[in-house]
Every structure is written in C-alpha cells, then in structure tokens.
C-alpha cells in the first residue's frame, strides 16, 4: 500500500471514529435530557394534612380517561358547604405534599382543597410524565370529582399550580370552562425554551441537535408531542377568567421572562407579581406575607365573589 493511501485511510478511519463519538455523545446527552423530562424521580409522600393542623380530610382515588389511577387528598372547608375549592398541581418531580402548606394557609380562609399526585408522581400510576400534555386528563378527572361533590361550590373552583403544574393549570383552564381562576407559580411559556436553557446551562452544549433529538426520544417513548406544550399559546383563551402569575426573580430553572411572556400574551384580567430574590418554587416560604396578600386578595375577588349555583 502506498504511504499516501495509508495516511488517507487513517484520516478517514479517525474522522469516522470522531464522528461516531460526537453522534454518540449527543445521543447520550439527549437520552439523559429525555429521561429527566419524562422519568422524574418519584418522591414518596411522607406527610399528611394532619401534619399541617387539618383534622378533617380524606384520601381519594381518581381515574383518568386513559385509565390511570391517581392518588390525592380532599380537604373540605370547615365552615362552608358548598365551599370555594382549589385544585393544587405540583411541579415536575414533586407530589401532592409539595403544595400542602399553601393549601393549609388557604384553608384558614375557608377554602376546600384537592391535592393531586399527577401521573408518574407520588402514589399515582403512570410510567412517565409529559410536562402538561397528558396531564390535562389528570386535571379533567379531578374536576369531574369536584363537580360531583355537594360540599364543593361548582361556581367557585380555581387552580393553583407550580412549574409544570402551573403550565398544566394554564392549559387546562383554557379547555375547561368550569375553572374560574388560575394562580400560576414559576410557569414556563414554551417547553422548548426551558429545555434549551437547561441544555446550555447544564451541558454547555448548543441546543441543536440536542434539543430536537431529546424531544424525539421523549415523544418516541411517550407517544405524544411534548414539544407542543406551549402555555403562551393557551393563556389568552382563559379570559375573561383571571390569571395571577407569580415568579421568583432568581429562578434559574424557569427564567422569569417566561412569566413576562405569559403576562403579555394573556388578556384581561391578568396580574404578574415578582418575588424578589426567590428561586424556583417555594414562593410561599420565600415571602409568606407577599404570597398570602397577593393570592388571598386575588381569590377573594375572583373566586369567592362568584355566587353558588347560578
């Protein structure tokens, strides 16, 4: 073999190995990204409403349209029946205890609560999550339960969500007219924007081709187009029902610009409140007085103001 041919073959071989390594590296990173999206860590439920001072509550099981059994708690209001009621939706990797402190605070103001383990979380069935796509069925199952309970005022039902739960709440309210108001905490506007930001920050890699490949893998595993989860395209459909957007200014998981984009896309009545120096989630813990004043005022105006059974 001529020496020039030997070098050419070596370069081709080396280049092929390099290309395969690059493709393998991107595929490995995309698989990690996909698994973090659709297979979050399933945390156990370790406390109950009794730990927050609520003595009357019940464990409920819901069945979604696609046949999953979901676990939850229903906490009735103490001094009103039928009562204004809040459905709480936790974020990715959380469970129904994640927003229990918020439910306990609002319980003092006369609100009943339904706290749900979304599919693939806590004690609910489901092998994966879809960041708000199939979770619409979870919300619909919860609403179906609430609308059958005589201790729930059907004209006074609101959603409070955090992160993925906030995005799900926005998407659900746009499709379920019985939802009277939404409180969205640390919501993302477009799922692809959040994933792009995470890729650049966590892997230090360019979004292309990692993001398209990651979504392809996630959608291959789940069978649904997760990339279509875009609450910014849904939020205007909630009007004339109100939306309250809350976001921490130091949120490094979902940039605060997401809530700004949602606020700009929403129609009246819409409100946006920033929590100075707060990070992702835990807004009540970050500033209890601000959270209580903003959320209670919002619900008093737009939920308790609705009359029963009109």
C-alpha atoms as a PDB file:
ATOM      1  CA  UNK A   1       0.000   0.000   0.000  1.00  0.00           C
ATOM      2  CA  UNK A   2       1.316   3.391  -0.892  1.00  0.00           C
ATOM      3  CA  UNK A   3       2.127   5.660   2.022  1.00  0.00           C
ATOM      4  CA  UNK A   4      -0.311   8.347   0.815  1.00  0.00           C
ATOM      5  CA  UNK A   5      -3.126   5.793   0.754  1.00  0.00           C
ATOM      6  CA  UNK A   6      -2.210   4.655   4.262  1.00  0.00           C
ATOM      7  CA  UNK A   7      -2.464   8.206   5.601  1.00  0.00           C
ATOM      8  CA  UNK A   8      -5.717   8.799   3.745  1.00  0.00           C
ATOM      9  CA  UNK A   9      -7.246   5.640   5.199  1.00  0.00           C
ATOM     10  CA  UNK A  10      -6.024   6.573   8.653  1.00  0.00           C
ATOM     11  CA  UNK A  11      -7.611  10.012   8.367  1.00  0.00           C
ATOM     12  CA  UNK A  12     -10.871   8.509   7.147  1.00  0.00           C
ATOM     13  CA  UNK A  13     -10.847   5.987   9.976  1.00  0.00           C
ATOM     14  CA  UNK A  14     -10.020   8.638  12.559  1.00  0.00           C
ATOM     15  CA  UNK A  15     -12.643  11.020  11.184  1.00  0.00           C
ATOM     16  CA  UNK A  16     -15.245   8.263  11.240  1.00  0.00           C
ATOM     17  CA  UNK A  17     -14.444   7.434  14.858  1.00  0.00           C
ATOM     18  CA  UNK A  18     -14.644  11.113  15.778  1.00  0.00           C
ATOM     19  CA  UNK A  19     -17.990  11.496  14.023  1.00  0.00           C
ATOM     20  CA  UNK A  20     -19.358   8.404  15.755  1.00  0.00           C
ATOM     21  CA  UNK A  21     -18.102   9.709  19.087  1.00  0.00           C
ATOM     22  CA  UNK A  22     -19.809  13.055  18.506  1.00  0.00           C
ATOM     23  CA  UNK A  23     -23.065  11.365  17.477  1.00  0.00           C
ATOM     24  CA  UNK A  24     -22.834   9.020  20.458  1.00  0.00           C
ATOM     25  CA  UNK A  25     -22.139  11.898  22.820  1.00  0.00           C
ATOM     26  CA  UNK A  26     -25.106  13.904  21.605  1.00  0.00           C
ATOM     27  CA  UNK A  27     -27.332  10.814  21.739  1.00  0.00           C
ATOM     28  CA  UNK A  28     -26.187  10.067  25.303  1.00  0.00           C
ATOM     29  CA  UNK A  29     -26.830  13.658  26.394  1.00  0.00           C
ATOM     30  CA  UNK A  30     -30.202  13.675  24.614  1.00  0.00           C
ATOM     31  CA  UNK A  31     -31.184  10.456  26.381  1.00  0.00           C
ATOM     32  CA  UNK A  32     -30.298  11.984  29.754  1.00  0.00           C
ATOM     33  CA  UNK A  33     -32.326  15.064  28.877  1.00  0.00           C
ATOM     34  CA  UNK A  34     -35.272  12.973  27.714  1.00  0.00           C
ATOM     35  CA  UNK A  35     -35.229  10.802  30.826  1.00  0.00           C
ATOM     36  CA  UNK A  36     -35.143  13.858  33.086  1.00  0.00           C
ATOM     37  CA  UNK A  37     -38.187  15.203  31.259  1.00  0.00           C
ATOM     38  CA  UNK A  38     -40.344  12.096  31.224  1.00  0.00           C
ATOM     39  CA  UNK A  39     -38.961   9.999  34.104  1.00  0.00           C
ATOM     40  CA  UNK A  40     -38.510  12.319  37.084  1.00  0.00           C
ATOM     41  CA  UNK A  41     -37.548  10.909  40.443  1.00  0.00           C
ATOM     42  CA  UNK A  42     -40.651   9.592  42.197  1.00  0.00           C
ATOM     43  CA  UNK A  43     -40.589  11.034  45.711  1.00  0.00           C
ATOM     44  CA  UNK A  44     -42.563   9.319  48.485  1.00  0.00           C
ATOM     45  CA  UNK A  45     -45.446  11.007  50.272  1.00  0.00           C
ATOM     46  CA  UNK A  46     -44.128  11.426  53.812  1.00  0.00           C
ATOM     47  CA  UNK A  47     -46.591  13.807  55.476  1.00  0.00           C
ATOM     48  CA  UNK A  48     -50.347  14.308  55.542  1.00  0.00           C
ATOM     49  CA  UNK A  49     -52.779  17.188  56.079  1.00  0.00           C
ATOM     50  CA  UNK A  50     -52.823  16.247  59.757  1.00  0.00           C
ATOM     51  CA  UNK A  51     -49.190  17.367  59.991  1.00  0.00           C
ATOM     52  CA  UNK A  52     -50.332  20.825  58.879  1.00  0.00           C
ATOM     53  CA  UNK A  53     -53.070  21.034  61.513  1.00  0.00           C
ATOM     54  CA  UNK A  54     -56.022  19.941  59.375  1.00  0.00           C
ATOM     55  CA  UNK A  55     -58.022  17.272  61.157  1.00  0.00           C
ATOM     56  CA  UNK A  56     -60.681  16.508  58.526  1.00  0.00           C
ATOM     57  CA  UNK A  57     -59.503  15.140  55.204  1.00  0.00           C
ATOM     58  CA  UNK A  58     -59.828  12.064  53.036  1.00  0.00           C
ATOM     59  CA  UNK A  59     -57.700  10.103  50.599  1.00  0.00           C
ATOM     60  CA  UNK A  60     -59.271   9.931  47.148  1.00  0.00           C
ATOM     61  CA  UNK A  61     -58.547   7.918  44.021  1.00  0.00           C
ATOM     62  CA  UNK A  62     -59.322   9.276  40.574  1.00  0.00           C
ATOM     63  CA  UNK A  63     -59.410   7.509  37.224  1.00  0.00           C
ATOM     64  CA  UNK A  64     -58.300   9.366  34.121  1.00  0.00           C
ATOM     65  CA  UNK A  65     -59.755   8.996  30.651  1.00  0.00           C
ATOM     66  CA  UNK A  66     -56.774   6.853  29.649  1.00  0.00           C
ATOM     67  CA  UNK A  67     -57.271   4.530  32.618  1.00  0.00           C
ATOM     68  CA  UNK A  68     -54.683   5.644  35.172  1.00  0.00           C
ATOM     69  CA  UNK A  69     -55.483   5.699  38.884  1.00  0.00           C
ATOM     70  CA  UNK A  70     -54.332   8.882  40.612  1.00  0.00           C
ATOM     71  CA  UNK A  71     -53.941   9.443  44.347  1.00  0.00           C
ATOM     72  CA  UNK A  72     -54.973  12.613  46.134  1.00  0.00           C
ATOM     73  CA  UNK A  73     -56.270  14.279  49.263  1.00  0.00           C
ATOM     74  CA  UNK A  74     -59.534  16.158  49.546  1.00  0.00           C
ATOM     75  CA  UNK A  75     -59.651  18.627  52.435  1.00  0.00           C
ATOM     76  CA  UNK A  76     -63.133  20.076  52.996  1.00  0.00           C
ATOM     77  CA  UNK A  77     -63.657  23.604  54.207  1.00  0.00           C
ATOM     78  CA  UNK A  78     -64.580  23.847  57.860  1.00  0.00           C
ATOM     79  CA  UNK A  79     -67.348  26.420  57.927  1.00  0.00           C
ATOM     80  CA  UNK A  80     -68.860  26.490  54.446  1.00  0.00           C
ATOM     81  CA  UNK A  81     -70.734  23.996  52.297  1.00  0.00           C
ATOM     82  CA  UNK A  82     -70.715  24.189  49.376  1.00  0.00           C
ATOM     83  CA  UNK A  83     -67.325  25.863  49.604  1.00  0.00           C
ATOM     84  CA  UNK A  84     -64.891  27.583  47.255  1.00  0.00           C
ATOM     85  CA  UNK A  85     -62.315  24.960  46.294  1.00  0.00           C
ATOM     86  CA  UNK A  86     -58.744  24.960  44.998  1.00  0.00           C
ATOM     87  CA  UNK A  87     -57.180  22.179  42.919  1.00  0.00           C
ATOM     88  CA  UNK A  88     -53.407  22.144  43.528  1.00  0.00           C
ATOM     89  CA  UNK A  89     -50.968  20.916  40.855  1.00  0.00           C
ATOM     90  CA  UNK A  90     -47.353  20.262  41.819  1.00  0.00           C
ATOM     91  CA  UNK A  91     -44.230  20.596  39.686  1.00  0.00           C
ATOM     92  CA  UNK A  92     -42.005  18.049  37.960  1.00  0.00           C
ATOM     93  CA  UNK A  93     -40.603  15.594  40.490  1.00  0.00           C
ATOM     94  CA  UNK A  94     -42.964  16.708  43.260  1.00  0.00           C
ATOM     95  CA  UNK A  95     -46.118  15.177  44.677  1.00  0.00           C
ATOM     96  CA  UNK A  96     -49.296  16.227  46.457  1.00  0.00           C
ATOM     97  CA  UNK A  97     -47.470  17.271  49.617  1.00  0.00           C
ATOM     98  CA  UNK A  98     -45.438  19.863  47.670  1.00  0.00           C
ATOM     99  CA  UNK A  99     -48.186  22.494  47.910  1.00  0.00           C
ATOM    100  CA  UNK A 100     -49.729  21.323  51.178  1.00  0.00           C
ATOM    101  CA  UNK A 101     -48.502  24.405  53.065  1.00  0.00           C
ATOM    102  CA  UNK A 102     -50.308  26.621  50.550  1.00  0.00           C
ATOM    103  CA  UNK A 103     -53.485  24.567  50.949  1.00  0.00           C
ATOM    104  CA  UNK A 104     -53.217  24.835  54.740  1.00  0.00           C
ATOM    105  CA  UNK A 105     -52.914  28.608  54.597  1.00  0.00           C
ATOM    106  CA  UNK A 106     -55.912  28.986  52.284  1.00  0.00           C
ATOM    107  CA  UNK A 107     -57.862  26.526  54.442  1.00  0.00           C
ATOM    108  CA  UNK A 108     -57.796  29.201  57.130  1.00  0.00           C
ATOM    109  CA  UNK A 109     -59.663  31.486  54.735  1.00  0.00           C
ATOM    110  CA  UNK A 110     -62.448  28.968  54.124  1.00  0.00           C
ATOM    111  CA  UNK A 111     -61.198  27.159  51.008  1.00  0.00           C
ATOM    112  CA  UNK A 112     -61.511  23.440  50.416  1.00  0.00           C
ATOM    113  CA  UNK A 113     -58.621  21.767  48.589  1.00  0.00           C
ATOM    114  CA  UNK A 114     -57.886  18.836  46.327  1.00  0.00           C
ATOM    115  CA  UNK A 115     -54.189  17.980  46.162  1.00  0.00           C
ATOM    116  CA  UNK A 116     -53.258  15.505  43.459  1.00  0.00           C
ATOM    117  CA  UNK A 117     -50.301  13.295  42.593  1.00  0.00           C
ATOM    118  CA  UNK A 118     -50.037  13.861  38.850  1.00  0.00           C
ATOM    119  CA  UNK A 119     -49.337  10.830  36.667  1.00  0.00           C
ATOM    120  CA  UNK A 120     -45.903   9.322  37.177  1.00  0.00           C
ATOM    121  CA  UNK A 121     -45.512  11.059  40.550  1.00  0.00           C
ATOM    122  CA  UNK A 122     -46.067  10.174  44.187  1.00  0.00           C
ATOM    123  CA  UNK A 123     -48.531   7.313  44.591  1.00  0.00           C
ATOM    124  CA  UNK A 124     -50.271   7.760  41.238  1.00  0.00           C
ATOM    125  CA  UNK A 125     -49.979   5.323  38.359  1.00  0.00           C
ATOM    126  CA  UNK A 126     -48.121   6.158  35.180  1.00  0.00           C
ATOM    127  CA  UNK A 127     -44.696   5.308  33.828  1.00  0.00           C
ATOM    128  CA  UNK A 128     -43.871   8.784  32.556  1.00  0.00           C
ATOM    129  CA  UNK A 129     -44.830  12.430  32.613  1.00  0.00           C
ATOM    130  CA  UNK A 130     -45.449  14.733  29.642  1.00  0.00           C
ATOM    131  CA  UNK A 131     -44.923  18.230  31.127  1.00  0.00           C
ATOM    132  CA  UNK A 132     -48.570  19.183  30.805  1.00  0.00           C
ATOM    133  CA  UNK A 133     -49.747  17.337  27.699  1.00  0.00           C
ATOM    134  CA  UNK A 134     -51.446  14.219  29.063  1.00  0.00           C
ATOM    135  CA  UNK A 135     -51.709  15.862  32.494  1.00  0.00           C
ATOM    136  CA  UNK A 136     -54.757  17.650  31.117  1.00  0.00           C
ATOM    137  CA  UNK A 137     -56.541  14.349  31.625  1.00  0.00           C
ATOM    138  CA  UNK A 138     -55.461  14.358  35.277  1.00  0.00           C
ATOM    139  CA  UNK A 139     -56.983  17.805  35.767  1.00  0.00           C
ATOM    140  CA  UNK A 140     -60.187  16.782  33.998  1.00  0.00           C
ATOM    141  CA  UNK A 141     -60.534  13.723  36.260  1.00  0.00           C
ATOM    142  CA  UNK A 142     -60.035  15.953  39.305  1.00  0.00           C
ATOM    143  CA  UNK A 143     -62.608  18.456  38.044  1.00  0.00           C
ATOM    144  CA  UNK A 144     -65.085  15.646  37.406  1.00  0.00           C
ATOM    145  CA  UNK A 145     -64.721  14.585  41.040  1.00  0.00           C
ATOM    146  CA  UNK A 146     -65.088  18.115  42.405  1.00  0.00           C
ATOM    147  CA  UNK A 147     -68.204  18.775  40.336  1.00  0.00           C
ATOM    148  CA  UNK A 148     -69.930  15.748  41.868  1.00  0.00           C
ATOM    149  CA  UNK A 149     -69.267  16.704  45.497  1.00  0.00           C
ATOM    150  CA  UNK A 150     -72.077  18.524  47.335  1.00  0.00           C
ATOM    151  CA  UNK A 151     -69.519  20.244  49.597  1.00  0.00           C
ATOM    152  CA  UNK A 152     -67.874  21.956  46.586  1.00  0.00           C
ATOM    153  CA  UNK A 153     -69.306  25.106  45.064  1.00  0.00           C
ATOM    154  CA  UNK A 154     -69.201  24.413  41.305  1.00  0.00           C
ATOM    155  CA  UNK A 155     -69.035  28.156  40.579  1.00  0.00           C
ATOM    156  CA  UNK A 156     -66.005  28.675  42.821  1.00  0.00           C
ATOM    157  CA  UNK A 157     -63.256  26.316  41.626  1.00  0.00           C
ATOM    158  CA  UNK A 158     -59.731  27.606  40.955  1.00  0.00           C
ATOM    159  CA  UNK A 159     -56.406  26.032  40.019  1.00  0.00           C
ATOM    160  CA  UNK A 160     -53.084  26.717  41.728  1.00  0.00           C
ATOM    161  CA  UNK A 161     -50.027  25.208  40.086  1.00  0.00           C
ATOM    162  CA  UNK A 162     -46.264  25.371  40.346  1.00  0.00           C
ATOM    163  CA  UNK A 163     -43.796  24.995  37.459  1.00  0.00           C
ATOM    164  CA  UNK A 164     -45.071  22.054  35.373  1.00  0.00           C
ATOM    165  CA  UNK A 165     -48.265  22.205  37.433  1.00  0.00           C
ATOM    166  CA  UNK A 166     -48.618  25.895  36.584  1.00  0.00           C
ATOM    167  CA  UNK A 167     -48.203  25.207  32.874  1.00  0.00           C
ATOM    168  CA  UNK A 168     -50.756  22.408  33.188  1.00  0.00           C
ATOM    169  CA  UNK A 169     -53.157  24.717  35.022  1.00  0.00           C
ATOM    170  CA  UNK A 170     -52.971  27.297  32.229  1.00  0.00           C
ATOM    171  CA  UNK A 171     -53.526  24.683  29.535  1.00  0.00           C
ATOM    172  CA  UNK A 172     -56.379  23.089  31.479  1.00  0.00           C
ATOM    173  CA  UNK A 173     -58.183  26.351  32.228  1.00  0.00           C
ATOM    174  CA  UNK A 174     -58.101  27.202  28.532  1.00  0.00           C
ATOM    175  CA  UNK A 175     -60.043  23.996  27.861  1.00  0.00           C
ATOM    176  CA  UNK A 176     -62.212  23.519  30.962  1.00  0.00           C
ATOM    177  CA  UNK A 177     -64.766  26.325  31.373  1.00  0.00           C
ATOM    178  CA  UNK A 178     -65.644  25.350  34.962  1.00  0.00           C
ATOM    179  CA  UNK A 179     -62.241  26.631  36.114  1.00  0.00           C
ATOM    180  CA  UNK A 180     -62.930  30.130  37.441  1.00  0.00           C
ATOM    181  CA  UNK A 181     -59.375  31.379  38.079  1.00  0.00           C
ATOM    182  CA  UNK A 182     -55.718  30.336  37.853  1.00  0.00           C
ATOM    183  CA  UNK A 183     -52.699  31.053  40.049  1.00  0.00           C
ATOM    184  CA  UNK A 184     -49.576  30.045  38.100  1.00  0.00           C
ATOM    185  CA  UNK A 185     -46.287  29.967  40.010  1.00  0.00           C
ATOM    186  CA  UNK A 186     -42.995  29.764  38.082  1.00  0.00           C
ATOM    187  CA  UNK A 187     -44.784  28.741  34.896  1.00  0.00           C
ATOM    188  CA  UNK A 188     -42.902  28.209  31.658  1.00  0.00           C
ATOM    189  CA  UNK A 189     -44.162  29.749  28.425  1.00  0.00           C
ATOM    190  CA  UNK A 190     -42.800  27.154  25.977  1.00  0.00           C
ATOM    191  CA  UNK A 191     -41.336  23.813  26.958  1.00  0.00           C
ATOM    192  CA  UNK A 192     -38.656  24.029  24.253  1.00  0.00           C
ATOM    193  CA  UNK A 193     -37.345  27.305  25.693  1.00  0.00           C
ATOM    194  CA  UNK A 194     -36.921  25.787  29.149  1.00  0.00           C
ATOM    195  CA  UNK A 195     -35.151  22.759  27.705  1.00  0.00           C
ATOM    196  CA  UNK A 196     -32.877  24.961  25.596  1.00  0.00           C
ATOM    197  CA  UNK A 197     -31.878  26.970  28.644  1.00  0.00           C
ATOM    198  CA  UNK A 198     -31.236  23.801  30.655  1.00  0.00           C
ATOM    199  CA  UNK A 199     -29.046  22.309  27.919  1.00  0.00           C
ATOM    200  CA  UNK A 200     -26.907  25.399  27.601  1.00  0.00           C
ATOM    201  CA  UNK A 201     -26.504  25.724  31.362  1.00  0.00           C
ATOM    202  CA  UNK A 202     -26.109  22.046  32.327  1.00  0.00           C
ATOM    203  CA  UNK A 203     -24.195  20.572  29.403  1.00  0.00           C
ATOM    204  CA  UNK A 204     -22.604  23.669  27.931  1.00  0.00           C
ATOM    205  CA  UNK A 205     -23.708  22.404  24.513  1.00  0.00           C
ATOM    206  CA  UNK A 206     -25.502  24.088  21.618  1.00  0.00           C
ATOM    207  CA  UNK A 207     -29.260  23.456  21.532  1.00  0.00           C
ATOM    208  CA  UNK A 208     -29.009  21.897  18.088  1.00  0.00           C
ATOM    209  CA  UNK A 209     -29.097  18.952  17.613  1.00  0.00           C
ATOM    210  CA  UNK A 210     -29.517  18.065  21.298  1.00  0.00           C
ATOM    211  CA  UNK A 211     -32.961  19.626  21.793  1.00  0.00           C
ATOM    212  CA  UNK A 212     -34.617  18.117  18.682  1.00  0.00           C
ATOM    213  CA  UNK A 213     -33.065  14.741  19.455  1.00  0.00           C
ATOM    214  CA  UNK A 214     -34.127  14.901  23.089  1.00  0.00           C
ATOM    215  CA  UNK A 215     -37.702  15.724  22.129  1.00  0.00           C
ATOM    216  CA  UNK A 216     -37.701  12.987  19.507  1.00  0.00           C
ATOM    217  CA  UNK A 217     -36.656  10.443  22.125  1.00  0.00           C
ATOM    218  CA  UNK A 218     -39.227  11.731  24.638  1.00  0.00           C
ATOM    219  CA  UNK A 219     -42.004  11.681  22.085  1.00  0.00           C
ATOM    220  CA  UNK A 220     -40.949   8.234  20.889  1.00  0.00           C
ATOM    221  CA  UNK A 221     -41.171   6.926  24.466  1.00  0.00           C
ATOM    222  CA  UNK A 222     -44.468   8.623  25.370  1.00  0.00           C
ATOM    223  CA  UNK A 223     -46.277   8.691  22.039  1.00  0.00           C
ATOM    224  CA  UNK A 224     -47.279  12.330  22.429  1.00  0.00           C
ATOM    225  CA  UNK A 225     -45.843  15.588  21.003  1.00  0.00           C
ATOM    226  CA  UNK A 226     -44.430  17.066  24.204  1.00  0.00           C
ATOM    227  CA  UNK A 227     -42.938  19.957  22.242  1.00  0.00           C
ATOM    228  CA  UNK A 228     -46.490  21.230  21.671  1.00  0.00           C
ATOM    229  CA  UNK A 229     -46.800  22.144  25.358  1.00  0.00           C
ATOM    230  CA  UNK A 230     -46.823  25.918  24.903  1.00  0.00           C
ATOM    231  CA  UNK A 231     -48.917  27.636  27.595  1.00  0.00           C
ATOM    232  CA  UNK A 232     -48.164  31.003  25.968  1.00  0.00           C
ATOM    233  CA  UNK A 233     -50.425  29.885  23.103  1.00  0.00           C
ATOM    234  CA  UNK A 234     -53.218  28.885  25.503  1.00  0.00           C
ATOM    235  CA  UNK A 235     -53.368  31.633  28.095  1.00  0.00           C
ATOM    236  CA  UNK A 236     -55.444  34.115  26.095  1.00  0.00           C
ATOM    237  CA  UNK A 237     -58.254  31.548  25.892  1.00  0.00           C
ATOM    238  CA  UNK A 238     -58.753  31.710  29.653  1.00  0.00           C
ATOM    239  CA  UNK A 239     -60.163  35.252  29.505  1.00  0.00           C
ATOM    240  CA  UNK A 240     -62.419  36.698  30.763  1.00  0.00           C
ATOM    241  CA  UNK A 241     -61.490  34.467  33.693  1.00  0.00           C
ATOM    242  CA  UNK A 242     -58.482  35.830  35.618  1.00  0.00           C
ATOM    243  CA  UNK A 243     -54.892  34.624  35.859  1.00  0.00           C
ATOM    244  CA  UNK A 244     -52.356  35.530  38.555  1.00  0.00           C
ATOM    245  CA  UNK A 245     -48.717  34.878  37.583  1.00  0.00           C
ATOM    246  CA  UNK A 246     -46.093  34.625  40.351  1.00  0.00           C
ATOM    247  CA  UNK A 247     -42.354  34.225  39.770  1.00  0.00           C
ATOM    248  CA  UNK A 248     -39.101  34.447  41.698  1.00  0.00           C
ATOM    249  CA  UNK A 249     -36.577  36.899  40.291  1.00  0.00           C
ATOM    250  CA  UNK A 250     -33.674  34.479  40.897  1.00  0.00           C
ATOM    251  CA  UNK A 251     -35.321  31.433  39.337  1.00  0.00           C
ATOM    252  CA  UNK A 252     -32.583  29.558  37.449  1.00  0.00           C
ATOM    253  CA  UNK A 253     -34.804  26.665  36.387  1.00  0.00           C
ATOM    254  CA  UNK A 254     -37.546  28.639  34.644  1.00  0.00           C
ATOM    255  CA  UNK A 255     -36.338  32.120  33.791  1.00  0.00           C
ATOM    256  CA  UNK A 256     -38.691  34.905  34.976  1.00  0.00           C
ATOM    257  CA  UNK A 257     -39.004  36.076  31.355  1.00  0.00           C
ATOM    258  CA  UNK A 258     -41.390  33.141  30.944  1.00  0.00           C
ATOM    259  CA  UNK A 259     -43.990  34.733  33.219  1.00  0.00           C
ATOM    260  CA  UNK A 260     -43.459  38.054  31.461  1.00  0.00           C
ATOM    261  CA  UNK A 261     -44.184  36.374  28.117  1.00  0.00           C
ATOM    262  CA  UNK A 262     -47.292  34.738  29.561  1.00  0.00           C
ATOM    263  CA  UNK A 263     -48.478  38.038  31.030  1.00  0.00           C
ATOM    264  CA  UNK A 264     -48.071  39.787  27.692  1.00  0.00           C
ATOM    265  CA  UNK A 265     -49.986  37.019  25.908  1.00  0.00           C
ATOM    266  CA  UNK A 266     -52.835  36.947  28.443  1.00  0.00           C
ATOM    267  CA  UNK A 267     -55.966  39.018  28.110  1.00  0.00           C
ATOM    268  CA  UNK A 268     -57.546  40.955  30.960  1.00  0.00           C
ATOM    269  CA  UNK A 269     -57.847  40.303  33.807  1.00  0.00           C
ATOM    270  CA  UNK A 270     -54.256  39.236  34.335  1.00  0.00           C
ATOM    271  CA  UNK A 271     -51.715  40.054  37.038  1.00  0.00           C
ATOM    272  CA  UNK A 272     -47.958  39.473  37.391  1.00  0.00           C
ATOM    273  CA  UNK A 273     -46.101  39.604  40.707  1.00  0.00           C
ATOM    274  CA  UNK A 274     -42.365  39.040  41.175  1.00  0.00           C
ATOM    275  CA  UNK A 275     -40.837  37.705  44.374  1.00  0.00           C
ATOM    276  CA  UNK A 276     -37.519  39.463  44.909  1.00  0.00           C
ATOM    277  CA  UNK A 277     -34.579  37.067  45.369  1.00  0.00           C
ATOM    278  CA  UNK A 278     -36.830  33.982  45.319  1.00  0.00           C
ATOM    279  CA  UNK A 279     -35.686  30.948  43.361  1.00  0.00           C
ATOM    280  CA  UNK A 280     -37.659  28.205  41.615  1.00  0.00           C
ATOM    281  CA  UNK A 281     -40.707  27.181  43.608  1.00  0.00           C
ATOM    282  CA  UNK A 282     -41.263  27.723  47.297  1.00  0.00           C
ATOM    283  CA  UNK A 283     -42.649  31.241  46.858  1.00  0.00           C
ATOM    284  CA  UNK A 284     -44.769  30.991  49.984  1.00  0.00           C
ATOM    285  CA  UNK A 285     -41.696  30.076  52.003  1.00  0.00           C
ATOM    286  CA  UNK A 286     -39.606  32.800  50.324  1.00  0.00           C
ATOM    287  CA  UNK A 287     -42.028  35.617  51.206  1.00  0.00           C
ATOM    288  CA  UNK A 288     -45.048  34.438  53.225  1.00  0.00           C
ATOM    289  CA  UNK A 289     -46.573  37.892  53.614  1.00  0.00           C
ATOM    290  CA  UNK A 290     -46.406  38.729  49.903  1.00  0.00           C
ATOM    291  CA  UNK A 291     -47.749  35.327  48.847  1.00  0.00           C
ATOM    292  CA  UNK A 292     -50.624  35.492  51.302  1.00  0.00           C
ATOM    293  CA  UNK A 293     -51.609  39.051  50.435  1.00  0.00           C
ATOM    294  CA  UNK A 294     -51.488  38.524  46.675  1.00  0.00           C
ATOM    295  CA  UNK A 295     -53.122  35.103  46.463  1.00  0.00           C
ATOM    296  CA  UNK A 296     -55.792  35.650  49.093  1.00  0.00           C
ATOM    297  CA  UNK A 297     -56.759  39.015  47.595  1.00  0.00           C
ATOM    298  CA  UNK A 298     -56.924  37.506  44.107  1.00  0.00           C
ATOM    299  CA  UNK A 299     -59.077  34.566  45.202  1.00  0.00           C
ATOM    300  CA  UNK A 300     -61.357  36.741  47.317  1.00  0.00           C
ATOM    301  CA  UNK A 301     -62.045  38.982  44.322  1.00  0.00           C
ATOM    302  CA  UNK A 302     -62.411  36.406  41.603  1.00  0.00           C
ATOM    303  CA  UNK A 303     -63.436  33.131  43.251  1.00  0.00           C
ATOM    304  CA  UNK A 304     -65.349  33.889  46.425  1.00  0.00           C
ATOM    305  CA  UNK A 305     -67.074  36.694  44.562  1.00  0.00           C
ATOM    306  CA  UNK A 306     -68.823  34.121  42.368  1.00  0.00           C
ATOM    307  CA  UNK A 307     -72.215  33.044  43.670  1.00  0.00           C
ATOM    308  CA  UNK A 308     -73.216  29.412  44.038  1.00  0.00           C
ATOM    309  CA  UNK A 309     -75.291  27.556  41.566  1.00  0.00           C
ATOM    310  CA  UNK A 310     -76.302  30.445  39.298  1.00  0.00           C
END
